[in-house]
Amino acid sequence: MTSEVVRPVRVEECSVHLEARVPALDQLGGEKLSQLGGGVAAEVEVVRVHVDEQYILKGTHIDPAKWYRLSDNFRHYFRPADHELGKTFRAEA
């Protein structure tokens, strides 16, 4: 699948895509990390989101009851189950 904003193509079988740019890379320090070969922290800017319509709720939100790949879905805790486990203190509803 062709991306709309960035050059890399999207994976057709994936139901959720985030097109993103990497405006900055920062070398991470520390003795332990250095022993492991070093590390880099990437700053990522999401510039476009694509979501399969089956996961859209009320036209503007991802339905976490249907798409549960995140451990904390938009401030609501879910697992691969039929019910919500709870909400964080920041959840509005």
PDB file of N, CA and C in Angstrom:
ATOM      1  N   MET A   1       0.851  -1.182   0.000  1.00  0.00           N
ATOM      2  CA  MET A   1       0.000   0.000   0.000  1.00  0.00           C
ATOM      3  C   MET A   1       0.893   1.241   0.000  1.00  0.00           C
ATOM      4  N   THR A   2       0.511   2.205  -0.755  1.00  0.00           N
ATOM      5  CA  THR A   2       1.271   3.448  -0.821  1.00  0.00           C
ATOM      6  C   THR A   2       0.973   4.319   0.387  1.00  0.00           C
ATOM      7  N   SER A   3       1.995   4.906   0.959  1.00  0.00           N
ATOM      8  CA  SER A   3       1.810   5.884   2.034  1.00  0.00           C
ATOM      9  C   SER A   3       1.422   7.214   1.415  1.00  0.00           C
ATOM     10  N   GLU A   4       0.797   8.074   2.192  1.00  0.00           N
ATOM     11  CA  GLU A   4       0.356   9.370   1.686  1.00  0.00           C
ATOM     12  C   GLU A   4       1.358  10.487   1.950  1.00  0.00           C
ATOM     13  N   VAL A   5       2.127  10.382   3.034  1.00  0.00           N
ATOM     14  CA  VAL A   5       3.014  11.471   3.426  1.00  0.00           C
ATOM     15  C   VAL A   5       4.484  11.068   3.416  1.00  0.00           C
ATOM     16  N   VAL A   6       4.794   9.851   3.813  1.00  0.00           N
ATOM     17  CA  VAL A   6       6.189   9.404   3.898  1.00  0.00           C
ATOM     18  C   VAL A   6       6.495   8.421   2.768  1.00  0.00           C
ATOM     19  N   ARG A   7       7.760   8.156   2.544  1.00  0.00           N
ATOM     20  CA  ARG A   7       8.182   7.301   1.439  1.00  0.00           C
ATOM     21  C   ARG A   7       7.951   5.808   1.674  1.00  0.00           C
ATOM     22  N   PRO A   8       8.246   5.243   2.852  1.00  0.00           N
ATOM     23  CA  PRO A   8       8.060   3.795   3.020  1.00  0.00           C
ATOM     24  C   PRO A   8       6.607   3.377   2.803  1.00  0.00           C
ATOM     25  N   VAL A   9       6.419   2.231   2.179  1.00  0.00           N
ATOM     26  CA  VAL A   9       5.073   1.725   1.919  1.00  0.00           C
ATOM     27  C   VAL A   9       4.480   1.112   3.176  1.00  0.00           C
ATOM     28  N   ARG A  10       3.150   1.002   3.184  1.00  0.00           N
ATOM     29  CA  ARG A  10       2.447   0.396   4.310  1.00  0.00           C
ATOM     30  C   ARG A  10       2.231  -1.095   4.039  1.00  0.00           C
ATOM     31  N   VAL A  11       2.060  -1.872   5.099  1.00  0.00           N
ATOM     32  CA  VAL A  11       1.827  -3.311   4.983  1.00  0.00           C
ATOM     33  C   VAL A  11       0.327  -3.539   4.803  1.00  0.00           C
ATOM     34  N   GLU A  12      -0.045  -4.162   3.702  1.00  0.00           N
ATOM     35  CA  GLU A  12      -1.454  -4.325   3.356  1.00  0.00           C
ATOM     36  C   GLU A  12      -2.233  -5.085   4.427  1.00  0.00           C
ATOM     37  N   GLU A  13      -1.631  -6.081   5.059  1.00  0.00           N
ATOM     38  CA  GLU A  13      -2.329  -6.904   6.049  1.00  0.00           C
ATOM     39  C   GLU A  13      -2.503  -6.215   7.400  1.00  0.00           C
ATOM     40  N   CYS A  14      -1.873  -5.088   7.603  1.00  0.00           N
ATOM     41  CA  CYS A  14      -1.943  -4.384   8.883  1.00  0.00           C
ATOM     42  C   CYS A  14      -3.190  -3.506   8.922  1.00  0.00           C
ATOM     43  N   SER A  15      -3.962  -3.583   9.993  1.00  0.00           N
ATOM     44  CA  SER A  15      -5.220  -2.835  10.091  1.00  0.00           C
ATOM     45  C   SER A  15      -5.053  -1.424  10.636  1.00  0.00           C
ATOM     46  N   VAL A  16      -3.907  -1.129  11.239  1.00  0.00           N
ATOM     47  CA  VAL A  16      -3.631   0.216  11.744  1.00  0.00           C
ATOM     48  C   VAL A  16      -2.226   0.620  11.302  1.00  0.00           C
ATOM     49  N   HIS A  17      -2.114   1.802  10.685  1.00  0.00           N
ATOM     50  CA  HIS A  17      -0.825   2.317  10.225  1.00  0.00           C
ATOM     51  C   HIS A  17      -0.593   3.698  10.799  1.00  0.00           C
ATOM     52  N   LEU A  18       0.626   3.949  11.214  1.00  0.00           N
ATOM     53  CA  LEU A  18       1.049   5.285  11.614  1.00  0.00           C
ATOM     54  C   LEU A  18       2.167   5.698  10.668  1.00  0.00           C
ATOM     55  N   GLU A  19       1.915   6.711   9.846  1.00  0.00           N
ATOM     56  CA  GLU A  19       2.986   7.262   9.021  1.00  0.00           C
ATOM     57  C   GLU A  19       3.727   8.254   9.901  1.00  0.00           C
ATOM     58  N   ALA A  20       5.033   8.155   9.931  1.00  0.00           N
ATOM     59  CA  ALA A  20       5.800   8.987  10.857  1.00  0.00           C
ATOM     60  C   ALA A  20       7.127   9.423  10.260  1.00  0.00           C
ATOM     61  N   ARG A  21       7.638  10.514  10.798  1.00  0.00           N
ATOM     62  CA  ARG A  21       8.966  11.022  10.479  1.00  0.00           C
ATOM     63  C   ARG A  21       9.813  10.957  11.743  1.00  0.00           C
ATOM     64  N   VAL A  22      11.121  10.903  11.561  1.00  0.00           N
ATOM     65  CA  VAL A  22      12.053  10.898  12.685  1.00  0.00           C
ATOM     66  C   VAL A  22      12.863  12.197  12.618  1.00  0.00           C
ATOM     67  N   PRO A  23      12.425  13.251  13.332  1.00  0.00           N
ATOM     68  CA  PRO A  23      13.138  14.528  13.264  1.00  0.00           C
ATOM     69  C   PRO A  23      14.444  14.542  14.049  1.00  0.00           C
ATOM     70  N   ALA A  24      14.633  13.615  14.989  1.00  0.00           N
ATOM     71  CA  ALA A  24      15.868  13.637  15.786  1.00  0.00           C
ATOM     72  C   ALA A  24      16.220  12.245  16.289  1.00  0.00           C
ATOM     73  N   LEU A  25      17.517  11.978  16.312  1.00  0.00           N
ATOM     74  CA  LEU A  25      18.071  10.770  16.920  1.00  0.00           C
ATOM     75  C   LEU A  25      19.076  11.209  17.974  1.00  0.00           C
ATOM     76  N   ASP A  26      19.023  10.611  19.157  1.00  0.00           N
ATOM     77  CA  ASP A  26      19.936  10.955  20.244  1.00  0.00           C
ATOM     78  C   ASP A  26      20.659   9.702  20.717  1.00  0.00           C
ATOM     79  N   GLN A  27      21.992   9.788  20.778  1.00  0.00           N
ATOM     80  CA  GLN A  27      22.799   8.691  21.316  1.00  0.00           C
ATOM     81  C   GLN A  27      22.534   8.569  22.809  1.00  0.00           C
ATOM     82  N   LEU A  28      22.326   7.365  23.277  1.00  0.00           N
ATOM     83  CA  LEU A  28      22.123   7.113  24.703  1.00  0.00           C
ATOM     84  C   LEU A  28      23.450   6.715  25.326  1.00  0.00           C
ATOM     85  N   GLY A  29      23.675   7.185  26.535  1.00  0.00           N
ATOM     86  CA  GLY A  29      24.927   6.896  27.218  1.00  0.00           C
ATOM     87  C   GLY A  29      24.738   5.916  28.350  1.00  0.00           C
ATOM     88  N   GLY A  30      25.792   5.727  29.095  1.00  0.00           N
ATOM     89  CA  GLY A  30      25.758   4.826  30.239  1.00  0.00           C
ATOM     90  C   GLY A  30      26.648   3.621  30.010  1.00  0.00           C
ATOM     91  N   GLU A  31      27.284   3.193  31.087  1.00  0.00           N
ATOM     92  CA  GLU A  31      28.243   2.092  30.996  1.00  0.00           C
ATOM     93  C   GLU A  31      27.583   0.786  30.545  1.00  0.00           C
ATOM     94  N   LYS A  32      26.465   0.433  31.145  1.00  0.00           N
ATOM     95  CA  LYS A  32      25.785  -0.821  30.817  1.00  0.00           C
ATOM     96  C   LYS A  32      25.365  -0.843  29.348  1.00  0.00           C
ATOM     97  N   LEU A  33      24.774   0.251  28.886  1.00  0.00           N
ATOM     98  CA  LEU A  33      24.341   0.329  27.492  1.00  0.00           C
ATOM     99  C   LEU A  33      25.543   0.288  26.551  1.00  0.00           C
ATOM    100  N   SER A  34      26.613   0.920  26.938  1.00  0.00           N
ATOM    101  CA  SER A  34      27.841   0.901  26.141  1.00  0.00           C
ATOM    102  C   SER A  34      28.375  -0.519  25.997  1.00  0.00           C
ATOM    103  N   GLN A  35      28.314  -1.307  27.074  1.00  0.00           N
ATOM    104  CA  GLN A  35      28.755  -2.696  27.036  1.00  0.00           C
ATOM    105  C   GLN A  35      27.900  -3.527  26.077  1.00  0.00           C
ATOM    106  N   LEU A  36      26.647  -3.133  25.910  1.00  0.00           N
ATOM    107  CA  LEU A  36      25.738  -3.858  25.026  1.00  0.00           C
ATOM    108  C   LEU A  36      25.826  -3.383  23.574  1.00  0.00           C
ATOM    109  N   GLY A  37      26.655  -2.398  23.318  1.00  0.00           N
ATOM    110  CA  GLY A  37      26.828  -1.910  21.961  1.00  0.00           C
ATOM    111  C   GLY A  37      26.242  -0.533  21.709  1.00  0.00           C
ATOM    112  N   GLY A  38      25.693   0.102  22.738  1.00  0.00           N
ATOM    113  CA  GLY A  38      25.142   1.445  22.591  1.00  0.00           C
ATOM    114  C   GLY A  38      23.657   1.426  22.298  1.00  0.00           C
ATOM    115  N   GLY A  39      23.107   2.614  22.159  1.00  0.00           N
ATOM    116  CA  GLY A  39      21.687   2.724  21.885  1.00  0.00           C
ATOM    117  C   GLY A  39      21.334   4.101  21.369  1.00  0.00           C
ATOM    118  N   VAL A  40      20.196   4.186  20.741  1.00  0.00           N
ATOM    119  CA  VAL A  40      19.729   5.439  20.169  1.00  0.00           C
ATOM    120  C   VAL A  40      18.266   5.621  20.547  1.00  0.00           C
ATOM    121  N   ALA A  41      17.905   6.837  20.945  1.00  0.00           N
ATOM    122  CA  ALA A  41      16.506   7.187  21.190  1.00  0.00           C
ATOM    123  C   ALA A  41      16.028   7.976  19.982  1.00  0.00           C
ATOM    124  N   ALA A  42      14.890   7.568  19.423  1.00  0.00           N
ATOM    125  CA  ALA A  42      14.350   8.246  18.256  1.00  0.00           C
ATOM    126  C   ALA A  42      13.149   9.104  18.660  1.00  0.00           C
ATOM    127  N   GLU A  43      13.166  10.358  18.255  1.00  0.00           N
ATOM    128  CA  GLU A  43      11.998  11.228  18.389  1.00  0.00           C
ATOM    129  C   GLU A  43      11.153  10.976  17.152  1.00  0.00           C
ATOM    130  N   VAL A  44       9.882  10.628  17.345  1.00  0.00           N
ATOM    131  CA  VAL A  44       9.017  10.261  16.231  1.00  0.00           C
ATOM    132  C   VAL A  44       7.834  11.210  16.157  1.00  0.00           C
ATOM    133  N   GLU A  45       7.562  11.713  14.967  1.00  0.00           N
ATOM    134  CA  GLU A  45       6.414  12.590  14.724  1.00  0.00           C
ATOM    135  C   GLU A  45       5.432  11.846  13.817  1.00  0.00           C
ATOM    136  N   VAL A  46       4.267  11.496  14.345  1.00  0.00           N
ATOM    137  CA  VAL A  46       3.244  10.822  13.544  1.00  0.00           C
ATOM    138  C   VAL A  46       2.568  11.878  12.675  1.00  0.00           C
ATOM    139  N   VAL A  47       2.584  11.660  11.360  1.00  0.00           N
ATOM    140  CA  VAL A  47       2.039  12.648  10.438  1.00  0.00           C
ATOM    141  C   VAL A  47       0.742  12.188   9.758  1.00  0.00           C
ATOM    142  N   ARG A  48       0.410  10.906   9.856  1.00  0.00           N
ATOM    143  CA  ARG A  48      -0.831  10.407   9.273  1.00  0.00           C
ATOM    144  C   ARG A  48      -1.184   9.094   9.946  1.00  0.00           C
ATOM    145  N   VAL A  49      -2.471   8.874  10.209  1.00  0.00           N
ATOM    146  CA  VAL A  49      -2.952   7.644  10.823  1.00  0.00           C
ATOM    147  C   VAL A  49      -3.975   7.003   9.884  1.00  0.00           C
ATOM    148  N   HIS A  50      -3.844   5.704   9.679  1.00  0.00           N
ATOM    149  CA  HIS A  50      -4.791   4.950   8.858  1.00  0.00           C
ATOM    150  C   HIS A  50      -5.345   3.814   9.716  1.00  0.00           C
ATOM    151  N   VAL A  51      -6.666   3.699   9.787  1.00  0.00           N
ATOM    152  CA  VAL A  51      -7.293   2.656  10.601  1.00  0.00           C
ATOM    153  C   VAL A  51      -8.402   1.991   9.783  1.00  0.00           C
ATOM    154  N   ASP A  52      -8.410   0.671   9.775  1.00  0.00           N
ATOM    155  CA  ASP A  52      -9.467  -0.073   9.102  1.00  0.00           C
ATOM    156  C   ASP A  52     -10.816   0.324   9.702  1.00  0.00           C
ATOM    157  N   GLU A  53     -11.808   0.546   8.860  1.00  0.00           N
ATOM    158  CA  GLU A  53     -13.113   1.035   9.307  1.00  0.00           C
ATOM    159  C   GLU A  53     -13.782   0.148  10.356  1.00  0.00           C
ATOM    160  N   GLN A  54     -13.473  -1.139  10.372  1.00  0.00           N
ATOM    161  CA  GLN A  54     -14.098  -2.024  11.363  1.00  0.00           C
ATOM    162  C   GLN A  54     -13.708  -1.674  12.798  1.00  0.00           C
ATOM    163  N   TYR A  55     -12.637  -0.890  12.964  1.00  0.00           N
ATOM    164  CA  TYR A  55     -12.172  -0.514  14.297  1.00  0.00           C
ATOM    165  C   TYR A  55     -12.569   0.899  14.704  1.00  0.00           C
ATOM    166  N   ILE A  56     -13.332   1.592  13.868  1.00  0.00           N
ATOM    167  CA  ILE A  56     -13.711   2.975  14.153  1.00  0.00           C
ATOM    168  C   ILE A  56     -15.005   3.012  14.963  1.00  0.00           C
ATOM    169  N   LEU A  57     -15.006   3.840  16.005  1.00  0.00           N
ATOM    170  CA  LEU A  57     -16.150   4.012  16.890  1.00  0.00           C
ATOM    171  C   LEU A  57     -16.640   5.449  16.761  1.00  0.00           C
ATOM    172  N   LYS A  58     -17.906   5.642  16.475  1.00  0.00           N
ATOM    173  CA  LYS A  58     -18.519   6.974  16.362  1.00  0.00           C
ATOM    174  C   LYS A  58     -17.795   7.868  15.357  1.00  0.00           C
ATOM    175  N   GLY A  59     -17.176   7.282  14.348  1.00  0.00           N
ATOM    176  CA  GLY A  59     -16.573   8.042  13.270  1.00  0.00           C
ATOM    177  C   GLY A  59     -15.234   8.686  13.546  1.00  0.00           C
ATOM    178  N   THR A  60     -14.817   8.804  14.811  1.00  0.00           N
ATOM    179  CA  THR A  60     -13.576   9.530  15.101  1.00  0.00           C
ATOM    180  C   THR A  60     -12.631   8.839  16.073  1.00  0.00           C
ATOM    181  N   HIS A  61     -13.015   7.731  16.652  1.00  0.00           N
ATOM    182  CA  HIS A  61     -12.181   7.073  17.662  1.00  0.00           C
ATOM    183  C   HIS A  61     -11.957   5.607  17.303  1.00  0.00           C
ATOM    184  N   ILE A  62     -10.831   5.069  17.745  1.00  0.00           N
ATOM    185  CA  ILE A  62     -10.583   3.637  17.617  1.00  0.00           C
ATOM    186  C   ILE A  62     -11.310   2.938  18.755  1.00  0.00           C
ATOM    187  N   ASP A  63     -12.064   1.905  18.438  1.00  0.00           N
ATOM    188  CA  ASP A  63     -12.810   1.135  19.434  1.00  0.00           C
ATOM    189  C   ASP A  63     -11.863   0.147  20.115  1.00  0.00           C
ATOM    190  N   PRO A  64     -11.449   0.395  21.358  1.00  0.00           N
ATOM    191  CA  PRO A  64     -10.481  -0.494  22.022  1.00  0.00           C
ATOM    192  C   PRO A  64     -11.038  -1.875  22.327  1.00  0.00           C
ATOM    193  N   ALA A  65     -12.349  -2.038  22.284  1.00  0.00           N
ATOM    194  CA  ALA A  65     -12.920  -3.367  22.497  1.00  0.00           C
ATOM    195  C   ALA A  65     -12.701  -4.252  21.273  1.00  0.00           C
ATOM    196  N   LYS A  66     -12.491  -3.633  20.112  1.00  0.00           N
ATOM    197  CA  LYS A  66     -12.255  -4.393  18.886  1.00  0.00           C
ATOM    198  C   LYS A  66     -10.779  -4.459  18.530  1.00  0.00           C
ATOM    199  N   TRP A  67     -10.024  -3.396  18.804  1.00  0.00           N
ATOM    200  CA  TRP A  67      -8.589  -3.368  18.481  1.00  0.00           C
ATOM    201  C   TRP A  67      -7.831  -3.243  19.797  1.00  0.00           C
ATOM    202  N   TYR A  68      -7.299  -4.345  20.288  1.00  0.00           N
ATOM    203  CA  TYR A  68      -6.739  -4.393  21.640  1.00  0.00           C
ATOM    204  C   TYR A  68      -5.249  -4.685  21.661  1.00  0.00           C
ATOM    205  N   ARG A  69      -4.508  -4.272  20.646  1.00  0.00           N
ATOM    206  CA  ARG A  69      -3.084  -4.586  20.613  1.00  0.00           C
ATOM    207  C   ARG A  69      -2.264  -3.784  21.618  1.00  0.00           C
ATOM    208  N   LEU A  70      -2.829  -2.757  22.220  1.00  0.00           N
ATOM    209  CA  LEU A  70      -2.097  -1.965  23.208  1.00  0.00           C
ATOM    210  C   LEU A  70      -2.466  -2.429  24.611  1.00  0.00           C
ATOM    211  N   SER A  71      -1.522  -2.397  25.527  1.00  0.00           N
ATOM    212  CA  SER A  71      -1.847  -2.786  26.897  1.00  0.00           C
ATOM    213  C   SER A  71      -2.640  -1.693  27.611  1.00  0.00           C
ATOM    214  N   ASP A  72      -2.436  -0.452  27.205  1.00  0.00           N
ATOM    215  CA  ASP A  72      -3.192   0.671  27.754  1.00  0.00           C
ATOM    216  C   ASP A  72      -3.808   1.378  26.559  1.00  0.00           C
ATOM    217  N   ASN A  73      -5.041   1.040  26.244  1.00  0.00           N
ATOM    218  CA  ASN A  73      -5.721   1.606  25.084  1.00  0.00           C
ATOM    219  C   ASN A  73      -6.357   2.932  25.440  1.00  0.00           C
ATOM    220  N   PHE A  74      -5.680   4.008  25.124  1.00  0.00           N
ATOM    221  CA  PHE A  74      -6.256   5.333  25.270  1.00  0.00           C
ATOM    222  C   PHE A  74      -6.787   5.564  26.685  1.00  0.00           C
ATOM    223  N   ARG A  75      -5.944   5.251  27.658  1.00  0.00           N
ATOM    224  CA  ARG A  75      -6.202   5.456  29.083  1.00  0.00           C
ATOM    225  C   ARG A  75      -7.251   4.507  29.672  1.00  0.00           C
ATOM    226  N   HIS A  76      -7.588   3.458  28.959  1.00  0.00           N
ATOM    227  CA  HIS A  76      -8.458   2.403  29.465  1.00  0.00           C
ATOM    228  C   HIS A  76      -7.670   1.105  29.376  1.00  0.00           C
ATOM    229  N   TYR A  77      -7.675   0.301  30.430  1.00  0.00           N
ATOM    230  CA  TYR A  77      -6.917  -0.939  30.442  1.00  0.00           C
ATOM    231  C   TYR A  77      -7.746  -2.068  29.849  1.00  0.00           C
ATOM    232  N   PHE A  78      -7.186  -2.748  28.858  1.00  0.00           N
ATOM    233  CA  PHE A  78      -7.857  -3.863  28.204  1.00  0.00           C
ATOM    234  C   PHE A  78      -6.905  -5.032  28.070  1.00  0.00           C
ATOM    235  N   ARG A  79      -7.466  -6.190  27.908  1.00  0.00           N
ATOM    236  CA  ARG A  79      -6.724  -7.382  27.529  1.00  0.00           C
ATOM    237  C   ARG A  79      -7.551  -8.068  26.440  1.00  0.00           C
ATOM    238  N   PRO A  80      -7.027  -9.049  25.780  1.00  0.00           N
ATOM    239  CA  PRO A  80      -7.837  -9.754  24.777  1.00  0.00           C
ATOM    240  C   PRO A  80      -8.998 -10.481  25.449  1.00  0.00           C
ATOM    241  N   ALA A  81     -10.055  -9.773  25.729  1.00  0.00           N
ATOM    242  CA  ALA A  81     -11.219 -10.325  26.416  1.00  0.00           C
ATOM    243  C   ALA A  81     -12.459  -9.550  25.983  1.00  0.00           C
ATOM    244  N   ASP A  82     -13.601  -9.956  26.494  1.00  0.00           N
ATOM    245  CA  ASP A  82     -14.863  -9.319  26.122  1.00  0.00           C
ATOM    246  C   ASP A  82     -15.220  -8.131  26.998  1.00  0.00           C
ATOM    247  N   HIS A  83     -14.414  -7.832  28.002  1.00  0.00           N
ATOM    248  CA  HIS A  83     -14.784  -6.756  28.910  1.00  0.00           C
ATOM    249  C   HIS A  83     -13.576  -5.891  29.259  1.00  0.00           C
ATOM    250  N   GLU A  84     -13.856  -4.688  29.659  1.00  0.00           N
ATOM    251  CA  GLU A  84     -12.830  -3.739  30.067  1.00  0.00           C
ATOM    252  C   GLU A  84     -12.376  -4.081  31.485  1.00  0.00           C
ATOM    253  N   LEU A  85     -11.069  -3.956  31.730  1.00  0.00           N
ATOM    254  CA  LEU A  85     -10.530  -4.272  33.052  1.00  0.00           C
ATOM    255  C   LEU A  85     -10.587  -3.080  34.002  1.00  0.00           C
ATOM    256  N   GLY A  86     -10.595  -1.871  33.462  1.00  0.00           N
ATOM    257  CA  GLY A  86     -10.627  -0.673  34.307  1.00  0.00           C
ATOM    258  C   GLY A  86     -10.152   0.519  33.529  1.00  0.00           C
ATOM    259  N   LYS A  87     -10.054   1.659  34.196  1.00  0.00           N
ATOM    260  CA  LYS A  87      -9.645   2.908  33.575  1.00  0.00           C
ATOM    261  C   LYS A  87      -8.509   3.528  34.381  1.00  0.00           C
ATOM    262  N   THR A  88      -7.709   4.346  33.721  1.00  0.00           N
ATOM    263  CA  THR A  88      -6.716   5.108  34.443  1.00  0.00           C
ATOM    264  C   THR A  88      -7.390   6.328  35.073  1.00  0.00           C
ATOM    265  N   PHE A  89      -6.694   7.020  35.930  1.00  0.00           N
ATOM    266  CA  PHE A  89      -7.278   8.174  36.586  1.00  0.00           C
ATOM    267  C   PHE A  89      -7.537   9.316  35.618  1.00  0.00           C
ATOM    268  N   ARG A  90      -6.948   9.280  34.408  1.00  0.00           N
ATOM    269  CA  ARG A  90      -7.138  10.342  33.424  1.00  0.00           C
ATOM    270  C   ARG A  90      -8.269  10.059  32.450  1.00  0.00           C
ATOM    271  N   ALA A  91      -8.866   8.898  32.508  1.00  0.00           N
ATOM    272  CA  ALA A  91      -9.934   8.545  31.569  1.00  0.00           C
ATOM    273  C   ALA A  91     -11.142   9.434  31.792  1.00  0.00           C
ATOM    274  N   GLU A  92     -11.708   9.930  30.691  1.00  0.00           N
ATOM    275  CA  GLU A  92     -12.870  10.804  30.783  1.00  0.00           C
ATOM    276  C   GLU A  92     -14.156  10.021  30.939  1.00  0.00           C
ATOM    277  N   ALA A  93     -14.223   8.851  30.340  1.00  0.00           N
ATOM    278  CA  ALA A  93     -15.470   8.082  30.395  1.00  0.00           C
ATOM    279  C   ALA A  93     -15.205   6.651  30.748  1.00  0.00           C
TER     280      ALA A  93
END
